[in-house]
Amino acid sequence: MAQGSNFVDYVKVCCRSGKGGAGSAHLHRDKFTAKGGPDGGDGGRGGHIILKGSVNHWTLLHLKYRKHIIAADGERGGSALRSGATGKDEILEVPLGTIAKNAETGEVIFEITEDGETKILTPGGKGGLGNWHFKTPTQQTPRYSQPGMPGKEEWMILELKVLADVGLVGFPNAGKSTLLSVVSAAKPEIADYPFTTIVPNLGIVSYRDSKSFVMADIPGIIEGASEGKGLGYRFLRHIERNSVLLFMVPADTDRTIAEEYEILLRELTAYNPELIDKPRLLAITKSDMLDEELEEQMKAEVPAGIPHLFISSVTGKNIQALKDAIWKQIVG
């Protein structure tokens, strides 16, 4: 299976939590007691549907074909104040960075960001109270109890925002996939046409002294991506999770380096103005095509105020210096 079909960052599921068990209206009877008081136990809570963060999952692929998630019902209460059993919860493991939304309203309910973190997506119905709760001085033997509350059935959207230390930002064919394949063990699909990368590729980059950081090759954006053109919003949202943004402009661009950088920056800030506050680096890729004189000329085109490097993934030029610069930004 190709990597593209393995990465699923959006699923829509129908969640049905368990209904609560009914309370019991039992009256105590034994061989010594013909007309005892109420001793009906409470019904059990219906099963919740719960999301649990897991570092073992990178994608929502395992939920892609589970359209209906159903938790068990709670059991009814028994005699002698015995409570009914709680319905079994349905626990869904999800990658870190998963956001849960109500499919009907689009409201974000919560986000899972830590390993082992659990949050209730769809709560089960409460169990009904047994008749012993309703005993009063004037009503000694209530013969009624509460029914259990119904569970909920609702459509939910689970969306993944990739959690990575550095996100690669550039137009299609800026050399992002090639860089990722050189600095990590990731094997992204690489070809010289737009939108080769249609899902984020993640790679773990080894650094000095056994340190490492996660790099995400985010699909190339085009002018108008923030308005939904090209691959649009679906992929821009992955950039929100990165702590450092590495802008990549190829040396053979038709525009000036500053023009291309400004367009990329404009698209990102139109989508989410907070992205302007993230640490940024600029890599001019494919610089093995430049001689020293041409590189000096192009340095004059680099926008002011952003650290930059001329790199080549093919020859390895300045790759270690780039890693150093990224690490410096990550650790602040």
Protein backbone atom coordinates (compact mmCIF):
# COMPACT_ATOMS: atom_id res chain seq x y z
CA MET A 1 0.00 0.00 0.00
CA ALA A 2 1.40 3.42 -0.92
CA GLN A 3 2.18 5.84 1.84
CA GLY A 4 -0.45 8.25 0.54
CA SER A 5 -3.27 5.77 1.12
CA ASN A 6 -1.92 4.92 4.59
CA PHE A 7 -2.23 8.45 5.91
CA VAL A 8 -5.79 9.29 6.96
CA ASP A 9 -6.25 12.63 8.73
CA TYR A 10 -10.07 12.89 8.67
CA VAL A 11 -12.82 10.44 9.62
CA LYS A 12 -16.53 10.87 10.25
CA VAL A 13 -18.09 8.37 12.64
CA CYS A 14 -21.52 7.76 14.11
CA CYS A 15 -21.17 7.44 17.89
CA ARG A 16 -23.88 5.72 19.91
CA SER A 17 -23.32 5.62 23.65
CA GLY A 18 -25.05 3.10 25.91
CA LYS A 19 -28.36 3.80 27.59
CA GLY A 20 -28.54 3.71 31.37
CA GLY A 21 -30.06 0.70 33.10
CA ALA A 22 -33.40 1.10 34.87
CA GLY A 23 -33.55 1.37 38.63
CA SER A 24 -35.26 -1.46 40.49
CA ALA A 25 -38.60 -1.06 42.30
CA HIS A 26 -38.06 -4.16 44.43
CA LEU A 27 -39.47 -4.46 47.96
CA HIS A 28 -37.52 -6.46 50.51
CA ARG A 29 -38.91 -9.96 51.14
CA ASP A 30 -37.49 -12.92 53.01
CA LYS A 31 -38.86 -15.71 55.21
CA PHE A 32 -38.95 -13.37 58.21
CA THR A 33 -40.25 -10.31 56.37
CA ALA A 34 -43.51 -10.38 54.45
CA LYS A 35 -43.77 -6.65 53.78
CA GLY A 36 -40.33 -5.08 53.84
CA GLY A 37 -39.26 -1.66 52.66
CA PRO A 38 -37.83 -0.67 49.29
CA ASP A 39 -34.45 -2.17 48.41
CA GLY A 40 -34.27 -1.67 44.65
CA GLY A 41 -30.77 -0.84 43.42
CA ASP A 42 -29.76 1.78 40.87
CA GLY A 43 -29.32 1.04 37.20
CA GLY A 44 -25.82 1.05 35.74
CA ARG A 45 -24.50 3.92 33.61
CA GLY A 46 -24.47 3.38 29.86
CA GLY A 47 -21.08 2.98 28.22
CA HIS A 48 -19.18 6.12 27.15
CA ILE A 49 -17.34 6.52 23.86
CA ILE A 50 -13.87 7.72 24.85
CA LEU A 51 -10.86 8.97 22.91
CA LYS A 52 -7.41 8.06 24.22
CA GLY A 53 -4.16 9.59 23.00
CA SER A 54 -1.56 7.10 21.78
CA VAL A 55 1.98 7.69 20.51
CA ASN A 56 1.67 4.35 18.67
CA HIS A 57 -0.71 5.86 16.12
CA TRP A 58 0.36 8.41 13.50
CA THR A 59 -2.86 8.37 11.48
CA LEU A 60 -6.62 7.74 11.77
CA LEU A 61 -6.41 4.88 9.26
CA HIS A 62 -7.58 2.29 11.83
CA LEU A 63 -10.88 4.18 12.20
CA LYS A 64 -11.48 4.81 8.50
CA TYR A 65 -13.87 1.86 8.04
CA ARG A 66 -15.46 1.94 11.51
CA LYS A 67 -18.47 4.06 10.63
CA HIS A 68 -20.50 3.09 13.71
CA ILE A 69 -19.02 3.12 17.21
CA ILE A 70 -21.45 1.58 19.71
CA ALA A 71 -20.97 1.37 23.48
CA ALA A 72 -22.83 -1.15 25.66
CA ASP A 73 -25.98 -0.39 27.68
CA GLY A 74 -25.96 -0.29 31.47
CA GLU A 75 -27.76 -3.10 33.31
CA ARG A 76 -30.85 -2.68 35.46
CA GLY A 77 -30.60 -2.49 39.23
CA GLY A 78 -31.30 -5.54 41.40
CA SER A 79 -32.76 -6.31 44.80
CA ALA A 80 -30.89 -5.83 48.09
CA LEU A 81 -29.66 -2.42 46.83
CA ARG A 82 -27.51 -4.07 44.16
CA SER A 83 -26.57 -1.60 41.42
CA GLY A 84 -26.63 -2.70 37.81
CA ALA A 85 -23.32 -3.13 35.99
CA THR A 86 -21.94 -0.17 34.05
CA GLY A 87 -22.07 -0.57 30.28
CA LYS A 88 -18.67 -1.28 28.73
CA ASP A 89 -17.00 1.88 27.45
CA GLU A 90 -15.78 1.99 23.86
CA ILE A 91 -12.22 3.38 23.90
CA LEU A 92 -10.75 4.63 20.62
CA GLU A 93 -7.01 5.17 20.49
CA VAL A 94 -6.08 8.19 18.39
CA PRO A 95 -2.83 9.94 17.44
CA LEU A 96 -1.71 13.01 19.35
CA GLY A 97 -3.04 16.14 17.68
CA THR A 98 -6.53 14.66 17.07
CA ILE A 99 -9.39 17.14 17.28
CA ALA A 100 -12.98 16.03 17.92
CA LYS A 101 -15.77 18.07 16.30
CA ASN A 102 -19.53 17.82 16.21
CA ALA A 103 -20.31 17.01 12.57
CA GLU A 104 -23.59 18.93 12.60
CA THR A 105 -22.43 22.19 14.18
CA GLY A 106 -18.70 22.07 13.37
CA GLU A 107 -18.02 22.93 17.04
CA VAL A 108 -14.64 21.76 18.34
CA ILE A 109 -15.30 19.68 21.46
CA PHE A 110 -11.73 18.97 22.53
CA GLU A 111 -8.23 18.06 21.39
CA ILE A 112 -6.03 15.14 22.40
CA THR A 113 -2.39 16.18 22.78
CA GLU A 114 -0.80 13.80 25.32
CA ASP A 115 -0.05 10.09 25.38
CA GLY A 116 -2.56 8.28 27.62
CA GLU A 117 -4.88 11.31 27.83
CA THR A 118 -8.57 10.27 27.82
CA LYS A 119 -11.63 12.39 27.11
CA ILE A 120 -15.28 11.43 26.78
CA LEU A 121 -16.52 11.96 23.23
CA THR A 122 -20.12 10.78 23.69
CA PRO A 123 -21.30 10.19 27.29
CA GLY A 124 -23.47 7.22 28.20
CA GLY A 125 -26.92 7.68 29.71
CA LYS A 126 -27.23 7.82 33.51
CA GLY A 127 -28.64 4.82 35.29
CA GLY A 128 -32.08 5.19 36.87
CA LEU A 129 -32.43 5.46 40.66
CA GLY A 130 -33.84 2.49 42.58
CA ASN A 131 -36.99 2.89 44.66
CA TRP A 132 -35.12 3.15 47.98
CA HIS A 133 -34.17 6.72 46.99
CA PHE A 134 -37.85 7.72 47.06
CA LYS A 135 -38.69 6.50 50.57
CA THR A 136 -40.13 9.26 52.78
CA PRO A 137 -41.77 9.31 56.21
CA THR A 138 -45.16 9.45 54.50
CA GLN A 139 -44.30 7.13 51.61
CA GLN A 140 -42.63 4.13 53.24
CA THR A 141 -42.92 1.68 50.33
CA PRO A 142 -42.54 3.47 46.99
CA ARG A 143 -43.28 1.01 44.23
CA TYR A 144 -41.65 3.03 41.49
CA SER A 145 -38.13 3.70 40.29
CA GLN A 146 -36.48 5.74 37.58
CA PRO A 147 -35.91 4.44 34.06
CA GLY A 148 -32.37 4.79 32.74
CA MET A 149 -31.52 7.81 30.62
CA PRO A 150 -31.10 7.15 26.92
CA GLY A 151 -27.65 7.16 25.34
CA LYS A 152 -26.74 9.69 22.65
CA GLU A 153 -26.35 9.08 18.95
CA GLU A 154 -24.38 11.72 17.08
CA TRP A 155 -22.05 12.08 14.13
CA MET A 156 -18.57 13.18 15.05
CA ILE A 157 -15.59 14.29 12.99
CA LEU A 158 -12.09 13.34 14.06
CA GLU A 159 -9.39 15.46 12.45
CA LEU A 160 -5.66 15.07 12.81
CA LYS A 161 -3.26 17.98 12.94
CA VAL A 162 0.26 16.65 12.62
CA LEU A 163 2.44 17.33 15.66
CA ALA A 164 5.97 17.98 14.46
CA ASP A 165 8.91 20.13 15.51
CA VAL A 166 9.52 21.64 12.09
CA GLY A 167 7.19 22.01 9.12
CA LEU A 168 8.44 22.46 5.57
CA VAL A 169 6.62 25.23 3.74
CA GLY A 170 7.01 25.83 0.02
CA PHE A 171 5.42 25.66 -3.38
CA PRO A 172 5.18 22.31 -5.14
CA ASN A 173 8.63 21.08 -6.25
CA ALA A 174 10.57 23.30 -3.84
CA GLY A 175 12.59 20.24 -2.82
CA LYS A 176 10.78 19.51 0.45
CA SER A 177 10.37 15.76 -0.10
CA THR A 178 13.96 15.44 -1.29
CA LEU A 179 15.25 17.18 1.85
CA LEU A 180 13.14 14.94 4.09
CA SER A 181 14.44 11.81 2.36
CA VAL A 182 18.04 13.00 2.84
CA VAL A 183 17.86 14.02 6.53
CA SER A 184 15.59 11.21 7.79
CA ALA A 185 14.59 7.64 7.07
CA ALA A 186 11.30 8.76 5.50
CA LYS A 187 10.72 7.63 1.93
CA PRO A 188 8.34 10.21 0.45
CA GLU A 189 7.22 9.95 -3.14
CA ILE A 190 9.37 12.33 -5.19
CA ALA A 191 8.66 13.53 -8.72
CA ASP A 192 8.91 16.78 -10.62
CA TYR A 193 5.25 17.73 -10.85
CA PRO A 194 2.92 19.68 -8.56
CA PHE A 195 1.21 17.95 -5.66
CA THR A 196 3.39 14.86 -5.54
CA THR A 197 2.99 15.18 -1.78
CA ILE A 198 -0.74 15.01 -1.13
CA VAL A 199 -0.45 13.98 2.52
CA PRO A 200 2.06 15.10 5.15
CA ASN A 201 5.16 12.92 5.29
CA LEU A 202 6.81 12.66 8.69
CA GLY A 203 10.46 11.90 9.30
CA ILE A 204 12.58 11.67 12.43
CA VAL A 205 15.82 13.60 11.89
CA SER A 206 18.84 12.40 13.86
CA TYR A 207 20.85 15.21 15.37
CA ARG A 208 24.07 15.44 17.37
CA ASP A 209 24.53 13.47 20.64
CA SER A 210 21.62 11.10 19.93
CA LYS A 211 19.13 13.97 19.84
CA SER A 212 16.38 14.00 17.22
CA PHE A 213 13.44 16.07 16.00
CA VAL A 214 10.36 15.42 13.88
CA MET A 215 10.11 17.05 10.46
CA ALA A 216 6.88 17.19 8.47
CA ASP A 217 6.80 17.69 4.72
CA ILE A 218 3.48 19.48 4.31
CA PRO A 219 1.86 19.44 0.86
CA GLY A 220 2.89 22.29 -1.41
CA ILE A 221 0.65 25.31 -1.31
CA ILE A 222 -0.22 27.59 -4.19
CA GLU A 223 -1.44 31.17 -4.27
CA GLY A 224 -5.02 31.13 -3.04
CA ALA A 225 -4.65 28.07 -0.82
CA SER A 226 -6.01 30.05 2.11
CA GLU A 227 -9.20 30.62 0.06
CA GLY A 228 -9.55 26.89 -0.52
CA LYS A 229 -7.84 26.73 -3.93
CA GLY A 230 -5.42 23.92 -4.72
CA LEU A 231 -5.22 21.58 -1.75
CA GLY A 232 -6.31 24.44 0.47
CA TYR A 233 -7.38 24.35 4.07
CA ARG A 234 -7.13 20.64 4.54
CA PHE A 235 -3.35 20.77 4.50
CA LEU A 236 -2.69 24.26 5.78
CA ARG A 237 -4.11 23.19 9.16
CA HIS A 238 -1.18 20.79 9.65
CA ILE A 239 1.16 23.77 9.75
CA GLU A 240 -0.56 25.08 12.90
CA ARG A 241 1.00 22.33 14.99
CA ASN A 242 4.64 22.89 14.04
CA SER A 243 6.94 24.79 16.37
CA VAL A 244 9.34 25.97 13.61
CA LEU A 245 8.53 26.72 9.98
CA LEU A 246 11.21 26.12 7.36
CA PHE A 247 10.37 28.07 4.21
CA MET A 248 11.88 26.55 1.08
CA VAL A 249 12.42 28.46 -2.15
CA PRO A 250 14.22 26.80 -5.07
CA ALA A 251 17.19 28.58 -6.64
CA ASP A 252 15.57 28.16 -10.08
CA THR A 253 12.36 30.01 -9.14
CA ASP A 254 10.86 32.31 -11.79
CA ARG A 255 10.29 34.97 -9.12
CA THR A 256 12.82 36.57 -6.82
CA ILE A 257 13.46 34.76 -3.54
CA ALA A 258 11.82 37.62 -1.63
CA GLU A 259 8.69 37.51 -3.83
CA GLU A 260 8.22 33.78 -3.40
CA TYR A 261 8.80 33.98 0.34
CA GLU A 262 6.28 36.82 0.68
CA ILE A 263 3.61 34.85 -1.21
CA LEU A 264 4.11 31.83 1.04
CA LEU A 265 3.99 34.00 4.14
CA ARG A 266 0.86 35.78 2.89
CA GLU A 267 -0.96 32.48 2.32
CA LEU A 268 -0.11 31.23 5.78
CA THR A 269 -1.09 34.42 7.59
CA ALA A 270 -4.33 34.72 5.60
CA TYR A 271 -5.22 31.26 6.86
CA ASN A 272 -4.16 31.90 10.46
CA PRO A 273 -2.55 35.19 11.55
CA GLU A 274 -0.99 33.48 14.59
CA LEU A 275 1.39 31.62 12.27
CA ILE A 276 3.34 34.87 11.81
CA ASP A 277 4.61 34.46 15.40
CA LYS A 278 6.28 31.09 14.79
CA PRO A 279 10.07 30.93 14.41
CA ARG A 280 10.98 30.90 10.72
CA LEU A 281 13.98 29.84 8.67
CA LEU A 282 14.56 30.16 4.94
CA ALA A 283 16.37 27.56 2.83
CA ILE A 284 17.23 28.31 -0.80
CA THR A 285 17.18 24.81 -2.30
CA LYS A 286 18.81 23.30 -5.40
CA SER A 287 21.77 25.67 -4.88
CA ASP A 288 24.15 23.10 -6.38
CA MET A 289 23.02 24.69 -9.65
CA LEU A 290 24.61 28.02 -8.64
CA ASP A 291 28.21 29.10 -8.97
CA GLU A 292 29.71 31.40 -6.32
CA GLU A 293 29.07 34.56 -8.30
CA LEU A 294 25.38 33.75 -8.88
CA GLU A 295 24.90 32.79 -5.25
CA GLU A 296 26.35 36.14 -4.15
CA GLN A 297 23.93 37.93 -6.48
CA MET A 298 20.97 35.94 -5.09
CA LYS A 299 21.94 36.74 -1.50
CA ALA A 300 20.92 40.31 -2.24
CA GLU A 301 17.39 39.04 -2.99
CA VAL A 302 16.95 37.35 0.40
CA PRO A 303 14.35 39.09 2.57
CA ALA A 304 15.76 40.86 5.62
CA GLY A 305 15.22 39.61 9.13
CA ILE A 306 15.00 35.86 8.48
CA PRO A 307 17.93 33.44 8.96
CA HIS A 308 18.74 31.81 5.62
CA LEU A 309 20.94 29.12 4.10
CA PHE A 310 21.71 28.04 0.55
CA ILE A 311 21.39 24.26 0.57
CA SER A 312 21.52 21.27 -1.76
CA SER A 313 19.94 17.96 -0.80
CA VAL A 314 21.72 16.34 -3.76
CA THR A 315 25.28 17.33 -2.79
CA GLY A 316 24.66 17.72 0.95
CA LYS A 317 25.67 21.37 0.88
CA ASN A 318 24.90 23.09 4.20
CA ILE A 319 22.60 20.25 5.35
CA GLN A 320 24.35 19.93 8.71
CA ALA A 321 24.32 23.72 9.11
CA LEU A 322 20.57 23.64 8.42
CA LYS A 323 20.05 21.00 11.12
CA ASP A 324 22.03 23.19 13.53
CA ALA A 325 19.90 26.21 12.70
CA ILE A 326 16.66 24.23 13.13
CA TRP A 327 17.78 22.79 16.45
CA LYS A 328 18.70 26.24 17.70
CA GLN A 329 15.16 27.46 16.89
CA ILE A 330 13.47 24.41 18.46
CA VAL A 331 15.26 24.74 21.79
CA GLY A 332 14.85 28.51 21.66
